[in-house]
C-alpha atoms as a PDB file:
ATOM      1  CA  MET A   1      18.374  24.111  -0.988  1.00  0.00           C
ATOM      2  CA  ILE A   2      17.647  21.620   1.784  1.00  0.00           C
ATOM      3  CA  ARG A   3      15.367  18.799   0.722  1.00  0.00           C
ATOM      4  CA  GLU A   4      12.740  17.423   3.046  1.00  0.00           C
ATOM      5  CA  TYR A   5      12.567  13.649   3.193  1.00  0.00           C
ATOM      6  CA  LEU A   6       9.973  11.377   4.723  1.00  0.00           C
ATOM      7  CA  HIS A   7      12.894   9.419   6.207  1.00  0.00           C
ATOM      8  CA  GLN A   8      15.148  12.345   7.111  1.00  0.00           C
ATOM      9  CA  GLY A   9      17.538  10.368   9.321  1.00  0.00           C
ATOM     10  CA  LEU A  10      18.042   7.721   6.665  1.00  0.00           C
ATOM     11  CA  ALA A  11      18.601  10.357   3.976  1.00  0.00           C
ATOM     12  CA  GLU A  12      21.409  11.848   6.049  1.00  0.00           C
ATOM     13  CA  GLY A  13      23.582   8.780   5.624  1.00  0.00           C
ATOM     14  CA  ARG A  14      22.248   5.984   7.789  1.00  0.00           C
ATOM     15  CA  TRP A  15      20.685   4.218   4.806  1.00  0.00           C
ATOM     16  CA  SER A  16      23.981   3.716   2.973  1.00  0.00           C
ATOM     17  CA  SER A  17      25.495   2.069   6.052  1.00  0.00           C
ATOM     18  CA  MET A  18      22.877  -0.715   5.930  1.00  0.00           C
ATOM     19  CA  THR A  19      23.277  -4.065   4.205  1.00  0.00           C
ATOM     20  CA  ILE A  20      21.096  -4.981   1.236  1.00  0.00           C
ATOM     21  CA  GLU A  21      19.075  -7.245   3.511  1.00  0.00           C
ATOM     22  CA  GLU A  22      18.438  -4.384   5.934  1.00  0.00           C
ATOM     23  CA  GLN A  23      17.525  -1.976   3.153  1.00  0.00           C
ATOM     24  CA  LEU A  24      15.154  -4.389   1.410  1.00  0.00           C
ATOM     25  CA  GLY A  25      13.711  -5.507   4.737  1.00  0.00           C
ATOM     26  CA  ASN A  26      12.846  -1.881   5.532  1.00  0.00           C
ATOM     27  CA  ILE A  27      11.243  -1.450   2.123  1.00  0.00           C
ATOM     28  CA  GLY A  28       9.256  -4.581   2.904  1.00  0.00           C
ATOM     29  CA  SER A  29       8.015  -3.016   6.144  1.00  0.00           C
ATOM     30  CA  GLU A  30       6.552  -0.122   4.162  1.00  0.00           C
ATOM     31  CA  ILE A  31       4.982  -2.552   1.676  1.00  0.00           C
ATOM     32  CA  HIS A  32       3.405  -4.430   4.571  1.00  0.00           C
ATOM     33  CA  ARG A  33       2.060  -1.138   5.965  1.00  0.00           C
ATOM     34  CA  ALA A  34       0.637  -0.325   2.529  1.00  0.00           C
ATOM     35  CA  ILE A  35      -1.305  -3.593   2.628  1.00  0.00           C
ATOM     36  CA  LEU A  36      -2.659  -2.721   6.073  1.00  0.00           C
ATOM     37  CA  HIS A  37      -3.659   0.793   4.941  1.00  0.00           C
ATOM     38  CA  ARG A  38      -5.129  -0.172   1.570  1.00  0.00           C
ATOM     39  CA  LYS A  39      -8.654   0.848   2.604  1.00  0.00           C
ATOM     40  CA  LYS A  40      -7.476   4.210   4.002  1.00  0.00           C
ATOM     41  CA  PRO A  41      -6.480   6.253   0.912  1.00  0.00           C
ATOM     42  CA  ASP A  42      -4.486   8.980   2.691  1.00  0.00           C
ATOM     43  CA  LEU A  43      -2.470   6.548   4.800  1.00  0.00           C
ATOM     44  CA  PHE A  44      -2.038   4.206   1.840  1.00  0.00           C
ATOM     45  CA  MET A  45      -0.605   6.932  -0.402  1.00  0.00           C
ATOM     46  CA  HIS A  46       1.683   8.191   2.368  1.00  0.00           C
ATOM     47  CA  THR A  47       2.999   4.667   2.898  1.00  0.00           C
ATOM     48  CA  VAL A  48       3.484   4.199  -0.849  1.00  0.00           C
ATOM     49  CA  ALA A  49       5.469   7.451  -0.923  1.00  0.00           C
ATOM     50  CA  ARG A  50       7.624   6.221   1.973  1.00  0.00           C
ATOM     51  CA  ALA A  51       8.305   2.913   0.188  1.00  0.00           C
ATOM     52  CA  LEU A  52       9.202   4.698  -3.048  1.00  0.00           C
ATOM     53  CA  GLU A  53      11.591   6.959  -1.148  1.00  0.00           C
ATOM     54  CA  LEU A  54      13.339   3.906   0.316  1.00  0.00           C
ATOM     55  CA  PHE A  55      13.535   2.341  -3.143  1.00  0.00           C
ATOM     56  CA  GLU A  56      15.201   5.532  -4.391  1.00  0.00           C
ATOM     57  CA  PHE A  57      17.685   5.574  -1.502  1.00  0.00           C
ATOM     58  CA  THR A  58      18.597   1.984  -2.356  1.00  0.00           C
ATOM     59  CA  ILE A  59      18.862   2.647  -6.095  1.00  0.00           C
ATOM     60  CA  ASP A  60      21.097   5.666  -5.381  1.00  0.00           C
ATOM     61  CA  ASP A  61      23.391   3.655  -3.076  1.00  0.00           C
ATOM     62  CA  PRO A  62      26.536   3.167  -5.214  1.00  0.00           C
ATOM     63  CA  LYS A  63      27.539  -0.141  -3.607  1.00  0.00           C
ATOM     64  CA  TRP A  64      24.635  -1.945  -5.307  1.00  0.00           C
ATOM     65  CA  ARG A  65      25.841  -0.905  -8.770  1.00  0.00           C
ATOM     66  CA  VAL A  66      29.170  -2.570  -8.069  1.00  0.00           C
ATOM     67  CA  LEU A  67      27.568  -5.709  -6.667  1.00  0.00           C
ATOM     68  CA  GLY A  68      25.205  -6.084  -9.622  1.00  0.00           C
ATOM     69  CA  ARG A  69      22.008  -5.817  -7.553  1.00  0.00           C
ATOM     70  CA  LEU A  70      20.649  -2.693  -9.227  1.00  0.00           C
ATOM     71  CA  ARG A  71      18.554  -4.598 -11.790  1.00  0.00           C
ATOM     72  CA  GLU A  72      16.842  -6.599  -9.027  1.00  0.00           C
ATOM     73  CA  ILE A  73      16.083  -3.468  -7.030  1.00  0.00           C
ATOM     74  CA  THR A  74      14.720  -1.491  -9.976  1.00  0.00           C
ATOM     75  CA  ARG A  75      12.573  -4.443 -11.075  1.00  0.00           C
ATOM     76  CA  ALA A  76      11.164  -4.791  -7.554  1.00  0.00           C
ATOM     77  CA  LYS A  77      10.282  -1.083  -7.617  1.00  0.00           C
ATOM     78  CA  GLU A  78       8.577  -1.548 -10.989  1.00  0.00           C
ATOM     79  CA  LEU A  79       6.556  -4.481  -9.643  1.00  0.00           C
ATOM     80  CA  PHE A  80       5.623  -2.463  -6.558  1.00  0.00           C
ATOM     81  CA  CYS A  81       4.368   0.447  -8.671  1.00  0.00           C
ATOM     82  CA  ALA A  82       2.321  -1.909 -10.850  1.00  0.00           C
ATOM     83  CA  ALA A  83       0.831  -3.567  -7.762  1.00  0.00           C
ATOM     84  CA  VAL A  84      -0.062  -0.204  -6.215  1.00  0.00           C
ATOM     85  CA  LEU A  85      -1.855   0.754  -9.427  1.00  0.00           C
ATOM     86  CA  ASP A  86      -3.623  -2.634  -9.540  1.00  0.00           C
ATOM     87  CA  SER A  87      -2.046  -3.288 -12.919  1.00  0.00           C
ATOM     88  CA  ASN A  88      -2.298  -6.802 -14.316  1.00  0.00           C
ATOM     89  CA  GLU A  89       0.863  -6.289 -16.344  1.00  0.00           C
ATOM     90  CA  TYR A  90       2.971  -8.533 -14.088  1.00  0.00           C
ATOM     91  CA  SER A  91       0.288 -10.371 -12.121  1.00  0.00           C
ATOM     92  CA  THR A  92       2.117  -9.373  -8.951  1.00  0.00           C
ATOM     93  CA  THR A  93       0.262  -8.233  -5.850  1.00  0.00           C
ATOM     94  CA  LEU A  94       1.377  -6.332  -2.787  1.00  0.00           C
ATOM     95  CA  GLU A  95       1.008  -9.617  -0.898  1.00  0.00           C
ATOM     96  CA  ASP A  96       3.457 -11.283  -3.313  1.00  0.00           C
ATOM     97  CA  LEU A  97       5.957  -8.504  -2.721  1.00  0.00           C
ATOM     98  CA  ASP A  98       5.366  -8.657   1.020  1.00  0.00           C
ATOM     99  CA  LYS A  99       6.474 -12.308   0.983  1.00  0.00           C
ATOM    100  CA  TYR A 100       9.519 -11.506  -1.168  1.00  0.00           C
ATOM    101  CA  PHE A 101      10.716  -8.695   1.091  1.00  0.00           C
ATOM    102  CA  LEU A 102       9.974 -10.608   4.294  1.00  0.00           C
ATOM    103  CA  PHE A 103      12.784 -12.971   3.324  1.00  0.00           C
ATOM    104  CA  TYR A 104      15.262 -10.064   3.459  1.00  0.00           C
ATOM    105  CA  ALA A 105      13.921  -8.810   6.781  1.00  0.00           C
ATOM    106  CA  CYS A 106      14.388 -12.281   8.283  1.00  0.00           C
ATOM    107  CA  ILE A 107      17.982 -12.479   7.010  1.00  0.00           C
ATOM    108  CA  ALA A 108      18.748  -8.992   8.345  1.00  0.00           C
ATOM    109  CA  ARG A 109      17.360  -9.898  11.747  1.00  0.00           C
ATOM    110  CA  GLU A 110      19.291 -13.186  11.791  1.00  0.00           C
ATOM    111  CA  ASN A 111      22.567 -11.397  10.955  1.00  0.00           C
ATOM    112  CA  ARG A 112      22.300  -8.876  13.817  1.00  0.00           C
END
């Protein structure tokens, strides 16, 4: 069975060739889009789905288990889900996460 992905090219192997900064920077791009689409439910949910898919690609990337980054990545996903649901459990907003992930995007760009 062939699975359909929102990020088909990344699912086919490109994602695992990226650094952690590149991966988290790309997740941050989807989080930023979610902020922009917050008032458009269909676009917002599609963007949330895209971000969650990128989180899963990152969590499934075996190099992060070895480097001990898996806890950070899974916690960031948990915070993202809580923010999307407007949960007060962590007092974290999409804007907070946007700032966090922007740091990785800047590092990835600087290292090109």
